[in-house]
Protein backbone atom coordinates (compact mmCIF):
# COMPACT_ATOMS: atom_id res chain seq x y z
CA MET A 1 -33.31 -49.25 -21.22
CA SER A 2 -30.84 -48.86 -24.09
CA THR A 3 -27.12 -49.44 -23.76
CA ARG A 4 -26.50 -45.76 -24.68
CA THR A 5 -28.84 -44.59 -21.90
CA THR A 6 -27.15 -46.92 -19.43
CA ARG A 7 -23.77 -45.52 -20.41
CA ARG A 8 -25.03 -41.93 -19.92
CA ILE A 9 -26.37 -42.77 -16.47
CA THR A 10 -23.16 -44.53 -15.53
CA ALA A 11 -21.01 -41.63 -16.77
CA GLY A 12 -23.23 -39.16 -14.93
CA THR A 13 -23.00 -41.18 -11.73
CA MET A 14 -19.22 -41.33 -12.03
CA LEU A 15 -19.05 -37.56 -12.61
CA LEU A 16 -21.20 -36.87 -9.55
CA ALA A 17 -19.06 -39.20 -7.48
CA ALA A 18 -15.90 -37.48 -8.70
CA LEU A 19 -17.33 -34.06 -7.87
CA ALA A 20 -18.35 -35.26 -4.43
CA THR A 21 -14.85 -36.65 -3.83
CA TRP A 22 -13.32 -33.38 -5.03
CA GLY A 23 -15.63 -31.43 -2.71
CA GLN A 24 -14.63 -33.61 0.23
CA ALA A 25 -10.96 -33.11 -0.64
CA GLN A 26 -11.49 -29.37 -0.74
CA ALA A 27 -13.26 -29.51 2.61
CA GLN A 28 -10.24 -31.25 4.14
CA VAL A 29 -7.69 -28.57 3.19
CA CYS A 30 -7.79 -27.15 6.72
CA LYS A 31 -7.58 -29.47 9.71
CA GLU A 32 -7.78 -26.65 12.28
CA ASP A 33 -9.20 -23.15 12.40
CA VAL A 34 -6.96 -20.48 10.92
CA ARG A 35 -5.61 -17.99 13.47
CA VAL A 36 -4.92 -14.49 12.13
CA LEU A 37 -3.04 -11.63 13.81
CA SER A 38 -4.05 -8.32 12.29
CA GLN A 39 -4.86 -4.69 12.85
CA PRO A 40 -8.40 -3.36 12.44
CA ARG A 41 -9.52 -3.31 8.82
CA ASP A 42 -13.10 -2.97 7.64
CA GLY A 43 -12.47 -5.54 4.93
CA LEU A 44 -11.43 -8.18 7.46
CA THR A 45 -14.36 -7.35 9.74
CA LEU A 46 -16.62 -7.89 6.74
CA LEU A 47 -15.30 -11.45 6.40
CA GLU A 48 -16.86 -12.37 9.74
CA LYS A 49 -20.25 -12.43 7.96
CA TYR A 50 -19.02 -15.18 5.66
CA LYS A 51 -17.39 -17.65 8.04
CA ASP A 52 -19.74 -20.40 6.87
CA GLU A 53 -18.59 -19.82 3.30
CA PHE A 54 -14.95 -20.35 4.24
CA LYS A 55 -15.81 -23.38 6.38
CA SER A 56 -17.68 -24.94 3.47
CA LEU A 57 -14.71 -24.25 1.21
CA SER A 58 -11.94 -25.41 3.54
CA GLY A 59 -13.37 -27.56 6.32
CA ALA A 60 -12.48 -25.11 9.10
CA SER A 61 -13.24 -21.62 10.36
CA PHE A 62 -10.99 -18.72 11.33
CA SER A 63 -10.45 -16.19 14.12
CA ILE A 64 -8.86 -12.74 13.87
CA ASP A 65 -7.06 -10.96 16.72
CA ASN A 66 -6.73 -7.21 16.16
CA LEU A 67 -4.18 -4.83 17.65
CA ASN A 68 -3.35 -1.22 16.82
CA GLU A 69 -0.60 -0.81 14.22
CA ASN A 70 2.38 -0.39 16.54
CA ASP A 71 1.30 -3.20 18.88
CA ARG A 72 0.55 -5.41 15.90
CA ARG A 73 4.06 -4.92 14.56
CA THR A 74 5.61 -5.71 17.94
CA LYS A 75 3.51 -8.80 18.64
CA THR A 76 3.84 -10.12 15.08
CA ARG A 77 7.61 -9.97 15.31
CA ALA A 78 7.62 -11.65 18.73
CA ASP A 79 5.20 -14.40 17.72
CA ALA A 80 6.79 -15.06 14.34
CA SER A 81 10.24 -15.44 15.89
CA THR A 82 9.26 -17.61 18.87
CA VAL A 83 6.06 -19.53 19.61
CA GLY A 84 4.20 -19.20 16.32
CA LYS A 85 0.62 -19.07 17.58
CA TYR A 86 -0.73 -17.49 14.39
CA ASN A 87 -1.07 -19.09 10.97
CA VAL A 88 -1.51 -15.80 9.11
CA TYR A 89 0.14 -12.45 9.80
CA TYR A 90 -0.90 -8.99 8.68
CA VAL A 91 2.34 -7.46 7.38
CA ASP A 92 3.31 -4.24 5.65
CA GLU A 93 6.00 -3.02 3.28
CA ALA A 94 8.26 -1.90 6.12
CA ASN A 95 8.64 -5.31 7.75
CA VAL A 96 8.54 -7.72 4.82
CA PRO A 97 12.35 -7.74 4.30
CA LEU A 98 12.99 -8.70 7.93
CA PHE A 99 10.26 -11.34 8.00
CA ALA A 100 11.33 -12.82 4.66
CA GLN A 101 15.06 -12.83 5.45
CA SER A 102 14.36 -14.37 8.88
CA LYS A 103 12.12 -17.03 7.25
CA TRP A 104 9.25 -16.11 9.55
CA ILE A 105 6.89 -16.07 6.56
CA ALA A 106 6.72 -18.37 3.54
CA PRO A 107 6.80 -17.36 -0.14
CA LEU A 108 3.17 -17.02 -1.13
CA ALA A 109 2.98 -18.24 -4.73
CA LYS A 110 3.34 -21.95 -3.96
CA TYR A 111 0.37 -21.88 -1.59
CA TYR A 112 -1.91 -19.33 -3.27
CA PRO A 113 -4.37 -21.31 -5.46
CA ALA A 114 -3.98 -20.33 -9.11
CA ASP A 115 -7.71 -19.91 -9.72
CA TYR A 116 -7.76 -16.96 -7.28
CA ASP A 117 -5.70 -15.00 -9.85
CA TYR A 118 -2.89 -13.24 -8.00
CA ALA A 119 -1.97 -11.46 -11.26
CA ASP A 120 -5.23 -9.51 -11.02
CA PHE A 121 -3.85 -7.37 -8.17
CA ASP A 122 -2.81 -3.80 -9.01
CA PRO A 123 0.75 -3.90 -10.46
CA GLY A 124 2.03 -1.37 -7.94
CA ARG A 125 0.78 -3.43 -5.00
CA GLN A 126 2.39 -6.53 -6.47
CA LYS A 127 5.72 -4.68 -6.60
CA VAL A 128 5.48 -3.76 -2.93
CA ALA A 129 4.55 -7.32 -1.95
CA THR A 130 7.63 -8.63 -3.79
CA PHE A 131 11.04 -8.95 -2.16
CA GLY A 132 13.98 -10.86 -3.59
CA GLY A 133 11.94 -11.79 -6.65
CA GLU A 134 9.12 -13.49 -4.69
CA ALA A 135 5.69 -12.36 -3.52
CA TRP A 136 5.23 -12.56 0.26
CA PHE A 137 1.72 -11.27 0.88
CA ALA A 138 -1.64 -10.74 -0.79
CA PRO A 139 -2.72 -7.08 -0.63
CA LEU A 140 -5.50 -5.91 1.66
CA THR A 141 -4.81 -2.21 1.28
CA GLY A 142 -2.22 -0.08 -0.40
CA GLY A 143 -1.60 2.05 -3.40
CA GLY A 144 0.66 4.54 -5.02
CA ASP A 145 0.37 8.29 -5.45
CA LEU A 146 -2.11 10.49 -7.26
CA LEU A 147 -2.04 14.16 -8.17
CA VAL A 148 -5.32 15.28 -6.60
CA TYR A 149 -6.35 18.79 -7.56
CA ARG A 150 -9.17 21.33 -7.42
CA LYS A 151 -10.28 21.59 -11.01
CA ASP A 152 -12.35 24.70 -10.22
CA LEU A 153 -9.33 26.60 -8.88
CA LEU A 154 -7.08 25.59 -11.77
CA GLU A 155 -9.72 26.54 -14.33
CA LYS A 156 -10.27 29.93 -12.67
CA ALA A 157 -6.51 30.61 -12.75
CA GLY A 158 -6.18 29.42 -16.35
CA ILE A 159 -3.78 26.65 -15.38
CA LYS A 160 -3.68 23.28 -17.09
CA PRO A 161 -3.23 20.29 -14.78
CA PRO A 162 0.55 19.98 -14.41
CA ALA A 163 2.16 17.12 -16.31
CA THR A 164 5.74 17.84 -15.18
CA LEU A 165 7.37 18.70 -11.88
CA GLU A 166 8.38 22.12 -13.20
CA GLU A 167 4.75 22.84 -14.13
CA PHE A 168 3.64 21.60 -10.69
CA VAL A 169 5.99 23.98 -8.83
CA ALA A 170 4.93 26.90 -11.05
CA ALA A 171 1.24 26.10 -10.54
CA ALA A 172 1.67 25.86 -6.76
CA LYS A 173 3.25 29.30 -6.71
CA LYS A 174 0.53 30.86 -8.87
CA LEU A 175 -2.36 29.22 -7.01
CA ASN A 176 -1.03 30.15 -3.57
CA ASP A 177 -3.38 32.81 -2.14
CA PRO A 178 -3.07 32.90 1.66
CA ALA A 179 -5.06 36.16 1.88
CA ASN A 180 -8.11 34.22 0.68
CA GLY A 181 -7.33 31.05 2.62
CA ILE A 182 -6.05 29.03 -0.34
CA TYR A 183 -2.62 27.39 -0.48
CA GLY A 184 -0.88 25.99 -3.53
CA VAL A 185 -0.02 22.60 -2.04
CA ALA A 186 -0.02 20.53 1.13
CA LEU A 187 3.06 18.48 2.02
CA ARG A 188 4.20 16.39 4.97
CA GLY A 189 6.90 17.86 7.20
CA GLN A 190 6.53 15.61 10.23
CA ARG A 191 9.59 13.46 10.85
CA GLY A 192 9.42 9.77 10.03
CA SER A 193 10.17 7.18 7.37
CA GLY A 194 6.43 7.01 6.67
CA ALA A 195 5.79 10.75 6.95
CA ASN A 196 8.05 13.48 5.49
CA VAL A 197 10.50 10.96 4.04
CA TRP A 198 7.66 9.10 2.30
CA ARG A 199 6.57 12.23 0.46
CA TRP A 200 10.17 13.29 -0.26
CA MET A 201 11.17 9.96 -1.80
CA PRO A 202 9.32 10.38 -5.15
CA PHE A 203 11.37 13.55 -5.72
CA PHE A 204 14.56 11.66 -4.83
CA ARG A 205 13.84 8.64 -7.03
CA GLY A 206 12.37 10.75 -9.81
CA ASN A 207 15.66 12.66 -10.02
CA GLY A 208 17.52 9.36 -10.39
CA GLY A 209 18.51 8.94 -6.74
CA GLN A 210 19.48 5.55 -5.31
CA TRP A 211 19.96 4.52 -1.70
CA PHE A 212 22.83 2.07 -2.10
CA ASP A 213 25.28 0.70 -4.60
CA GLY A 214 25.77 -2.74 -3.11
CA ASP A 215 26.72 -2.03 0.51
CA LYS A 216 27.92 1.49 -0.27
CA PRO A 217 25.54 4.37 0.56
CA VAL A 218 25.13 6.71 -2.42
CA PHE A 219 22.23 8.92 -1.39
CA ASN A 220 24.20 12.04 -0.49
CA SER A 221 24.18 12.68 -4.23
CA PRO A 222 23.29 15.62 -6.49
CA ALA A 223 19.90 13.90 -7.02
CA ALA A 224 19.22 13.93 -3.27
CA VAL A 225 20.28 17.56 -2.94
CA LYS A 226 18.05 18.61 -5.86
CA ALA A 227 15.09 16.61 -4.49
CA THR A 228 15.45 18.27 -1.10
CA GLN A 229 15.78 21.75 -2.59
CA THR A 230 12.55 21.24 -4.56
CA TYR A 231 10.73 19.82 -1.55
CA LEU A 232 11.78 22.78 0.60
CA GLU A 233 10.78 25.26 -2.10
CA LEU A 234 7.28 23.79 -2.25
CA PHE A 235 6.88 24.34 1.48
CA LYS A 236 6.71 28.07 0.73
CA TYR A 237 3.24 27.34 -0.69
CA SER A 238 2.14 24.60 1.73
CA ALA A 239 -0.84 24.94 4.06
CA PRO A 240 -0.30 26.01 7.70
CA GLY A 241 0.47 23.19 10.09
CA THR A 242 2.08 20.99 7.46
CA LYS A 243 5.70 21.84 8.30
CA THR A 244 5.44 19.53 11.30
CA GLY A 245 2.31 17.70 10.13
CA GLY A 246 1.70 14.34 8.53
CA TRP A 247 -1.08 12.65 6.56
CA ASP A 248 -3.90 14.06 8.71
CA GLU A 249 -2.77 17.68 8.44
CA SER A 250 -1.98 17.51 4.73
CA THR A 251 -5.12 15.71 3.57
CA GLY A 252 -7.27 17.46 6.16
CA ALA A 253 -6.33 20.86 4.71
CA PHE A 254 -7.26 19.67 1.23
CA LEU A 255 -10.58 18.14 2.31
CA ALA A 256 -11.40 21.38 4.13
CA GLY A 257 -11.09 23.29 0.86
CA LYS A 258 -7.88 25.14 1.71
CA VAL A 259 -5.51 23.52 -0.82
CA ALA A 260 -5.37 23.62 -4.62
CA MET A 261 -3.22 20.54 -5.28
CA LEU A 262 -1.35 17.79 -3.54
CA ILE A 263 0.39 14.55 -4.36
CA GLU A 264 -0.75 11.93 -1.91
CA SER A 265 -1.46 8.27 -1.42
CA THR A 266 -4.51 6.91 -3.24
CA PRO A 267 -6.84 6.55 -0.20
CA LEU A 268 -7.24 10.35 -0.30
CA ALA A 269 -9.25 9.92 -3.51
CA GLY A 270 -11.92 7.99 -1.64
CA ASN A 271 -11.94 10.49 1.23
CA ALA A 272 -12.46 13.36 -1.21
CA LEU A 273 -15.71 11.72 -2.32
CA ASP A 274 -17.00 11.02 1.18
CA PRO A 275 -19.56 13.64 2.32
CA LYS A 276 -18.68 12.91 5.95
CA MET A 277 -15.08 14.02 5.35
CA SER A 278 -14.95 16.27 2.31
CA THR A 279 -16.09 19.82 1.51
CA VAL A 280 -14.79 19.60 -2.06
CA ILE A 281 -17.06 16.95 -3.57
CA GLY A 282 -17.59 17.64 -7.27
CA LYS A 283 -14.56 19.94 -7.45
CA VAL A 284 -11.79 17.34 -7.53
CA ALA A 285 -9.95 15.59 -10.34
CA TYR A 286 -7.13 13.04 -10.43
CA LEU A 287 -4.01 12.31 -12.47
CA PRO A 288 -0.79 10.31 -12.03
CA PRO A 289 2.05 12.26 -10.37
CA PRO A 290 3.79 14.79 -12.65
CA SER A 291 6.88 13.52 -14.46
CA PRO A 292 9.49 12.45 -13.43
CA LEU A 293 8.06 11.69 -9.96
CA THR A 294 7.58 8.04 -9.12
CA GLY A 295 4.53 6.87 -7.22
CA GLY A 296 5.22 5.96 -3.61
CA GLY A 297 4.21 2.30 -3.49
CA TYR A 298 3.00 0.88 -0.19
CA GLY A 299 0.95 -2.12 0.76
CA HIS A 300 -0.37 -4.11 3.69
CA GLY A 301 -1.59 -7.66 3.38
CA LEU A 302 -1.73 -11.24 4.60
CA ALA A 303 1.27 -13.58 4.78
CA ILE A 304 1.79 -17.23 5.73
CA GLY A 305 3.56 -17.75 9.06
CA THR A 306 6.10 -20.56 9.17
CA LYS A 307 6.21 -21.35 12.91
CA ALA A 308 2.52 -22.23 13.19
CA ASN A 309 2.41 -23.87 9.76
CA LYS A 310 5.05 -26.56 10.07
CA THR A 311 3.62 -28.87 7.39
CA GLU A 312 2.89 -28.33 3.73
CA GLU A 313 -0.79 -29.03 4.44
CA ALA A 314 -0.92 -26.28 7.05
CA LYS A 315 0.73 -23.81 4.67
CA LYS A 316 -1.81 -24.72 1.98
CA CYS A 317 -4.62 -24.05 4.46
CA ALA A 318 -3.18 -20.63 5.32
CA GLY A 319 -2.71 -19.92 1.61
CA LEU A 320 -6.32 -20.83 0.90
CA PHE A 321 -7.56 -18.51 3.64
CA ILE A 322 -5.44 -15.65 2.28
CA ALA A 323 -6.65 -16.30 -1.27
CA TRP A 324 -10.29 -16.40 -0.16
CA ALA A 325 -9.95 -13.31 2.06
CA THR A 326 -8.45 -11.29 -0.81
CA SER A 327 -10.53 -12.85 -3.59
CA LYS A 328 -12.41 -11.03 -6.32
CA LYS A 329 -15.66 -12.01 -4.64
CA ASN A 330 -14.68 -10.44 -1.32
CA GLU A 331 -13.30 -7.35 -3.07
CA GLN A 332 -16.68 -6.93 -4.75
CA ARG A 333 -18.29 -7.15 -1.32
CA ARG A 334 -15.94 -4.43 -0.06
CA LEU A 335 -16.81 -2.29 -3.07
CA ALA A 336 -20.52 -2.71 -2.30
CA GLU A 337 -19.81 -1.55 1.28
CA GLY A 338 -17.89 1.52 0.06
CA GLN A 339 -14.54 0.36 1.49
CA PHE A 340 -12.48 2.28 -1.07
CA GLY A 341 -9.16 1.97 0.75
CA GLU A 342 -9.33 -1.82 0.60
CA LEU A 343 -9.80 -2.30 -3.13
CA ASN A 344 -6.72 -3.78 -4.77
CA ARG A 345 -7.74 -5.70 -7.88
CA THR A 346 -7.65 -4.31 -11.40
CA SER A 347 -10.85 -6.20 -12.27
CA VAL A 348 -12.68 -4.37 -9.47
CA LEU A 349 -11.06 -0.94 -9.98
CA GLY A 350 -11.93 -1.13 -13.68
CA SER A 351 -15.46 -2.48 -13.21
CA PRO A 352 -18.73 -0.70 -14.12
CA GLU A 353 -19.71 -0.93 -10.44
CA PHE A 354 -16.58 1.00 -9.41
CA ALA A 355 -17.16 3.63 -12.12
CA LYS A 356 -20.76 4.07 -11.00
CA ARG A 357 -19.77 4.64 -7.37
CA TYR A 358 -16.51 6.60 -7.78
CA GLY A 359 -16.37 7.79 -11.38
CA ALA A 360 -14.59 6.43 -14.45
CA ASP A 361 -11.91 9.17 -14.28
CA LEU A 362 -10.73 7.94 -10.89
CA GLY A 363 -10.59 4.35 -12.14
CA LYS A 364 -8.44 5.44 -15.07
CA ALA A 365 -6.14 7.52 -12.84
CA LEU A 366 -5.65 4.54 -10.52
CA ALA A 367 -4.83 2.28 -13.45
CA ASP A 368 -2.38 4.81 -14.88
CA THR A 369 -0.65 5.50 -11.56
CA GLY A 370 -0.35 1.78 -10.87
CA LYS A 371 2.05 1.58 -13.82
CA LEU A 372 4.23 4.34 -12.32
CA THR A 373 4.16 3.07 -8.74
CA ALA A 374 7.60 2.12 -7.47
CA VAL A 375 9.21 0.78 -4.32
CA ASN A 376 10.94 4.01 -3.34
CA PHE A 377 12.25 2.95 0.05
CA TRP A 378 15.29 0.78 0.80
CA GLN A 379 13.96 -2.78 1.00
CA ASP A 380 15.89 -3.87 4.04
CA ALA A 381 15.18 -4.68 7.68
CA ALA A 382 17.16 -1.57 8.66
CA TRP A 383 15.02 0.75 6.53
CA PRO A 384 12.83 2.14 9.36
CA ASP A 385 15.96 3.06 11.32
CA LEU A 386 17.61 4.80 8.38
CA GLY A 387 14.38 6.42 7.19
CA ASP A 388 13.52 7.76 10.63
CA ARG A 389 16.99 9.27 10.99
CA TRP A 390 16.58 11.12 7.68
CA GLY A 391 13.10 12.16 8.82
CA ILE A 392 14.61 14.02 11.79
CA ILE A 393 17.17 15.81 9.61
CA LEU A 394 14.58 16.62 6.94
CA GLU A 395 12.15 18.07 9.48
CA GLU A 396 14.94 20.30 10.80
CA LEU A 397 15.60 21.53 7.25
CA ILE A 398 11.88 22.17 6.70
CA THR A 399 11.40 24.10 9.94
CA GLY A 400 14.63 26.07 9.48
CA SER A 401 16.55 24.83 12.50
CA ARG A 402 19.07 23.42 10.02
CA SER A 403 20.05 24.91 6.65
CA ASP A 404 22.86 22.81 5.16
CA ILE A 405 21.19 20.24 2.88
CA LYS A 406 24.40 18.54 1.76
CA GLY A 407 25.68 18.46 5.34
CA GLY A 408 22.49 16.73 6.48
CA LEU A 409 22.79 14.13 3.74
CA ASP A 410 26.44 13.57 4.59
CA GLU A 411 25.42 12.98 8.20
CA LEU A 412 22.85 10.43 7.06
CA ASP A 413 25.46 8.78 4.83
CA ALA A 414 27.76 8.35 7.84
CA TYR A 415 24.91 6.85 9.85
CA ALA A 416 24.17 4.39 7.03
CA ARG A 417 27.80 3.29 7.00
CA GLN A 418 27.50 2.55 10.72
CA LEU A 419 24.41 0.41 10.05
CA ILE A 420 26.23 -1.59 7.39
CA ALA A 421 29.36 -2.00 9.57
CA ARG A 422 27.22 -3.21 12.49
CA ARG A 423 25.63 -5.82 10.25
CA LYS A 424 29.00 -7.21 9.17
CA LYS A 425 30.20 -7.80 12.74
């Protein structure tokens, strides 16, 4: 045997030994099974099929406890602030500020392995996951807003898809035909920070509105008045049941073929293509929201709990689980299963497989709207309280039990000042 051959064998043996050592190190990342507190998501249920894959990768398995959304929020807050049973929490945009400020969750970047490519997530979802300049969760579901419209109705009426808010209002008026069961738009009137306020906020922010200037409320502004006036005007052309309705009533009217246009969160796009839900398949097209509206960014995802993960090693284990659960590979599996609402990565949304299943025009619209998606709500632990209070006032304006827009905003401004004063005590 030549010296060169011996050297090759020796080098190969050393490489194999190094790879084996690396594999063993990888397998030791997790010392104990990862405990996850979540709410039901098809994408997480899908992971149960691949427990062996995660165990091979990390050295441990995982278990997921599911609760409905409200119970999940309550239990997550209780567990994160006290005993810390769970390593990973399912969180959403509404509770990230509280969890981050309370140090109940850890900044994600340090523990999210670089080769899982966090930058591949949709830009809008990254914005929502970010608070105080740091990312706190990896997205499982979320999105911004799309203008979803009936191309057949617009073509019949000779209307180009609206590119501006003024064009959108004019088109809604022209397309409104109650005598024939067609309505120009569908909005959300039901009170709540995640209901009527959520749909109102793009009008507010698009007009230049801001919630606060430091600790000073500034939302009883001309921008807020104008946004509310426009929102109320559009209700003249909104489908029946939407004045006190939410997501289900608004999207349900569209899917039933009763609505020409609406601006809604991106999961509607998948529903419109589902034959079990939609009567308008083949008649729908998508665009980003008309200018100057901002997209309403929201997101739910997985975060690292600090109580249960007291050591750096434990945090790395939780970070590895989150990275694996939200990886490109698992997104591709969700795409193959038709789980549209749980696709978050630009590489998947822009893939040939996505275009084949959902159409290239939807992929382009999602990419375009991702650039416009903004965090419209006040990123603060008190946001749900403030948003829900405005939701009550806004519903009263929509239903006509209140008529003074500026007076309602002034009332909200006073309530916000009370919230800030309470915090300073």
